[in-house]
Amino acid sequence: MFSIDLADDARLIPLEARHAEEFLAHMERGRDFIGVHIGFPDAATDLESARTLLTNYAQKAAADGGRLFGIRVDGTLMGGVLFRIFEADAGNCEIGCWLEPTAAGRGLITKACRILIDYAFHERGMHRVEWHASALNTKSLAVAERLGMTREGVLRESHLHRGVRQDTEIWSVLAHEWPAAPDVDPASPAAV
């Protein structure tokens, strides 16, 4: 299994069904904090539902669709990033994130998202990466801004979460707006 360093004590890993127990423990620790804006804590309430969620994402990845990655800090799963939607044929995808409060404020989410966006644009030739977040999720919106995304608008009361209609902000970055891969000459055909 591959992993990517995010910091001396933090790594990005693909999440698989075999991580269900670890994922559930992570959701239990972060349920109140993560669940304010993210649906994973409500979807992973026991070992079976955690395994089902991870299996569904593994099936999406096998079909070249969505993908789920975990962030481990000192060996403990503390958060993650994902391609919620990955439509290679259309050249569009949507990324998202979540994190336990004890791991927040270190830039791990921003760095992990940069890795996903680099992959989407430089390795897969995607055209557009989107970010959807509750208008009340100021930390998530700050990540979109740090990533250099453009705020496109608000879908008013578009998402029902825990019985409450939420506004959803839509942000995006396009391939030509994202920095070229470090080893690619911006004037070369591969960079276009």
Foldseek 3Di string as FASTA:
>chain_A
DDWDDLDPFKIKFFDALVCLVLVLVLCVQQVVPQQVWDCVNVQNPDSVSSSVVRHVQVVQVVVVWKTWMFMDGNNHTFKTKMFPTGDLVQLETEMDMTGHPVPPDPCSVLSRVVVVVCCSCQVRPRFKYKYKTFPPPVVRVVSLVVQVWAWDDWDFQPDQRPNGRTIIIMTMDGNVRHDFDPVDDCPDPSSD
